[in-house]
Amino acid sequence: TEFQRPIYYLDVTNSAFNKSLHIFSRMFAEPIFDMNYMNKEIDAVNSEAEKNINSDPWRKRQLFKSLAKEGHPYKKFSTGNTETLRGISLEKLNKKLNDFYEK
């Protein structure tokens, strides 16, 4: 995940490009949000958050965020972890995820 947007890489052969791009794009156009995989994704988000803790650029960004004006969206903490994502039931988290996608 980059600073302002996620970046995705897709490595396929030229002959498979169109079909692969179609399959890959369905992930965004028609997400499944299967609750059976939510714990795995929460663990992946937590792993990324833990990796960032010792990253100087990440810490610098957090410092700048802490200096932002109260109420400004930039001031919000932007990385989840197991504490924040497992603080509610998977059903409620899944509903929030679907509501966010629909919005």
C-alpha atoms as a PDB file:
ATOM      1  CA  THR A   1       0.000   0.000   0.000  1.00  0.00           C
ATOM      2  CA  GLU A   2       1.353   3.370  -0.976  1.00  0.00           C
ATOM      3  CA  PHE A   3       0.867   6.620   0.923  1.00  0.00           C
ATOM      4  CA  GLN A   4      -2.225   7.960  -0.851  1.00  0.00           C
ATOM      5  CA  ARG A   5      -3.526   4.949  -2.762  1.00  0.00           C
ATOM      6  CA  PRO A   6      -3.086   1.208  -3.077  1.00  0.00           C
ATOM      7  CA  ILE A   7      -0.851  -0.005  -5.886  1.00  0.00           C
ATOM      8  CA  TYR A   8      -1.457  -3.364  -7.567  1.00  0.00           C
ATOM      9  CA  TYR A   9       0.933  -5.292  -9.777  1.00  0.00           C
ATOM     10  CA  LEU A  10      -0.229  -7.924 -12.229  1.00  0.00           C
ATOM     11  CA  ASP A  11       2.392 -10.095 -13.901  1.00  0.00           C
ATOM     12  CA  VAL A  12       1.010 -12.143 -16.799  1.00  0.00           C
ATOM     13  CA  THR A  13       2.060 -13.180 -20.277  1.00  0.00           C
ATOM     14  CA  ASN A  14       0.925 -11.060 -23.220  1.00  0.00           C
ATOM     15  CA  SER A  15      -1.389 -13.790 -24.480  1.00  0.00           C
ATOM     16  CA  ALA A  16      -3.190 -13.956 -21.119  1.00  0.00           C
ATOM     17  CA  PHE A  17      -3.351 -10.202 -20.515  1.00  0.00           C
ATOM     18  CA  ASN A  18      -6.968  -9.487 -21.527  1.00  0.00           C
ATOM     19  CA  LYS A  19      -8.439 -12.457 -19.659  1.00  0.00           C
ATOM     20  CA  SER A  20      -6.258 -11.820 -16.590  1.00  0.00           C
ATOM     21  CA  LEU A  21      -7.158  -8.136 -16.510  1.00  0.00           C
ATOM     22  CA  HIS A  22     -10.842  -9.034 -16.692  1.00  0.00           C
ATOM     23  CA  ILE A  23     -10.529 -11.498 -13.789  1.00  0.00           C
ATOM     24  CA  PHE A  24      -8.459  -9.029 -11.748  1.00  0.00           C
ATOM     25  CA  SER A  25     -10.906  -6.170 -12.358  1.00  0.00           C
ATOM     26  CA  ARG A  26     -13.841  -8.271 -11.073  1.00  0.00           C
ATOM     27  CA  MET A  27     -12.203  -8.116  -7.634  1.00  0.00           C
ATOM     28  CA  PHE A  28     -13.044  -4.386  -7.566  1.00  0.00           C
ATOM     29  CA  ALA A  29     -16.267  -4.342  -9.553  1.00  0.00           C
ATOM     30  CA  GLU A  30     -17.876  -7.334  -7.808  1.00  0.00           C
ATOM     31  CA  PRO A  31     -16.110  -7.963  -4.484  1.00  0.00           C
ATOM     32  CA  ILE A  32     -17.227 -11.005  -2.513  1.00  0.00           C
ATOM     33  CA  PHE A  33     -16.392  -9.913   1.070  1.00  0.00           C
ATOM     34  CA  ASP A  34     -16.565 -13.529   2.223  1.00  0.00           C
ATOM     35  CA  MET A  35     -16.628 -13.668   6.020  1.00  0.00           C
ATOM     36  CA  ASN A  36     -14.693 -16.963   5.894  1.00  0.00           C
ATOM     37  CA  TYR A  37     -11.594 -15.009   4.848  1.00  0.00           C
ATOM     38  CA  MET A  38     -11.950 -11.987   7.116  1.00  0.00           C
ATOM     39  CA  ASN A  39      -9.641 -13.265   9.862  1.00  0.00           C
ATOM     40  CA  LYS A  40      -6.934 -13.956   7.288  1.00  0.00           C
ATOM     41  CA  GLU A  41      -7.282 -10.409   5.921  1.00  0.00           C
ATOM     42  CA  ILE A  42      -7.267  -8.904   9.418  1.00  0.00           C
ATOM     43  CA  ASP A  43      -4.009 -10.763  10.075  1.00  0.00           C
ATOM     44  CA  ALA A  44      -2.574  -9.416   6.799  1.00  0.00           C
ATOM     45  CA  VAL A  45      -3.535  -5.833   7.730  1.00  0.00           C
ATOM     46  CA  ASN A  46      -2.010  -6.317  11.184  1.00  0.00           C
ATOM     47  CA  SER A  47       1.190  -7.699   9.660  1.00  0.00           C
ATOM     48  CA  GLU A  48       1.530  -4.607   7.484  1.00  0.00           C
ATOM     49  CA  ALA A  49       0.903  -2.338  10.493  1.00  0.00           C
ATOM     50  CA  GLU A  50       3.578  -4.148  12.527  1.00  0.00           C
ATOM     51  CA  LYS A  51       6.023  -3.880   9.621  1.00  0.00           C
ATOM     52  CA  ASN A  52       5.498  -0.124   9.518  1.00  0.00           C
ATOM     53  CA  ILE A  53       6.239   0.496  13.194  1.00  0.00           C
ATOM     54  CA  ASN A  54      10.009   0.552  12.596  1.00  0.00           C
ATOM     55  CA  SER A  55       9.799   2.374   9.259  1.00  0.00           C
ATOM     56  CA  ASP A  56      11.209   5.901   9.501  1.00  0.00           C
ATOM     57  CA  PRO A  57       9.131   7.249   6.575  1.00  0.00           C
ATOM     58  CA  TRP A  58       5.977   5.807   8.166  1.00  0.00           C
ATOM     59  CA  ARG A  59       6.832   7.309  11.563  1.00  0.00           C
ATOM     60  CA  LYS A  60       7.564  10.671   9.923  1.00  0.00           C
ATOM     61  CA  ARG A  61       4.157  10.566   8.238  1.00  0.00           C
ATOM     62  CA  GLN A  62       2.491   9.743  11.568  1.00  0.00           C
ATOM     63  CA  LEU A  63       4.263  12.720  13.132  1.00  0.00           C
ATOM     64  CA  PHE A  64       2.997  15.056  10.413  1.00  0.00           C
ATOM     65  CA  LYS A  65      -0.497  13.587  10.770  1.00  0.00           C
ATOM     66  CA  SER A  66      -0.428  14.292  14.502  1.00  0.00           C
ATOM     67  CA  LEU A  67       0.324  17.951  13.747  1.00  0.00           C
ATOM     68  CA  ALA A  68      -2.650  18.363  11.409  1.00  0.00           C
ATOM     69  CA  LYS A  69      -5.589  20.550  12.413  1.00  0.00           C
ATOM     70  CA  GLU A  70      -8.127  18.889  14.719  1.00  0.00           C
ATOM     71  CA  GLY A  71     -10.973  17.366  12.738  1.00  0.00           C
ATOM     72  CA  HIS A  72      -9.011  17.222   9.464  1.00  0.00           C
ATOM     73  CA  PRO A  73      -9.193  13.776   7.788  1.00  0.00           C
ATOM     74  CA  TYR A  74      -5.394  13.707   7.413  1.00  0.00           C
ATOM     75  CA  LYS A  75      -5.074  13.563  11.198  1.00  0.00           C
ATOM     76  CA  LYS A  76      -6.823  10.193  11.390  1.00  0.00           C
ATOM     77  CA  PHE A  77      -4.760   7.075  11.999  1.00  0.00           C
ATOM     78  CA  SER A  78      -4.836   5.210   8.694  1.00  0.00           C
ATOM     79  CA  THR A  79      -3.673   1.691   9.506  1.00  0.00           C
ATOM     80  CA  GLY A  80      -5.776  -0.987  11.125  1.00  0.00           C
ATOM     81  CA  ASN A  81      -4.496  -3.780  13.332  1.00  0.00           C
ATOM     82  CA  THR A  82      -5.957  -6.741  15.187  1.00  0.00           C
ATOM     83  CA  GLU A  83      -6.953  -4.501  18.092  1.00  0.00           C
ATOM     84  CA  THR A  84      -8.956  -2.095  15.928  1.00  0.00           C
ATOM     85  CA  LEU A  85     -10.345  -4.687  13.509  1.00  0.00           C
ATOM     86  CA  ARG A  86     -11.245  -7.360  16.060  1.00  0.00           C
ATOM     87  CA  GLY A  87     -12.828  -4.869  18.418  1.00  0.00           C
ATOM     88  CA  ILE A  88     -16.213  -5.609  16.832  1.00  0.00           C
ATOM     89  CA  SER A  89     -17.859  -8.791  15.615  1.00  0.00           C
ATOM     90  CA  LEU A  90     -17.010 -10.120  12.163  1.00  0.00           C
ATOM     91  CA  GLU A  91     -20.659  -9.705  11.193  1.00  0.00           C
ATOM     92  CA  LYS A  92     -20.637  -6.014  12.105  1.00  0.00           C
ATOM     93  CA  LEU A  93     -17.249  -5.493  10.437  1.00  0.00           C
ATOM     94  CA  ASN A  94     -18.508  -7.211   7.290  1.00  0.00           C
ATOM     95  CA  LYS A  95     -21.595  -4.969   7.264  1.00  0.00           C
ATOM     96  CA  LYS A  96     -19.410  -1.858   7.640  1.00  0.00           C
ATOM     97  CA  LEU A  97     -17.224  -3.084   4.787  1.00  0.00           C
ATOM     98  CA  ASN A  98     -20.220  -3.665   2.527  1.00  0.00           C
ATOM     99  CA  ASP A  99     -21.751  -0.302   3.487  1.00  0.00           C
ATOM    100  CA  PHE A 100     -18.442   1.433   2.693  1.00  0.00           C
ATOM    101  CA  TYR A 101     -18.247  -0.340  -0.673  1.00  0.00           C
ATOM    102  CA  GLU A 102     -21.819   0.641  -1.561  1.00  0.00           C
ATOM    103  CA  LYS A 103     -21.156   4.254  -0.587  1.00  0.00           C
END
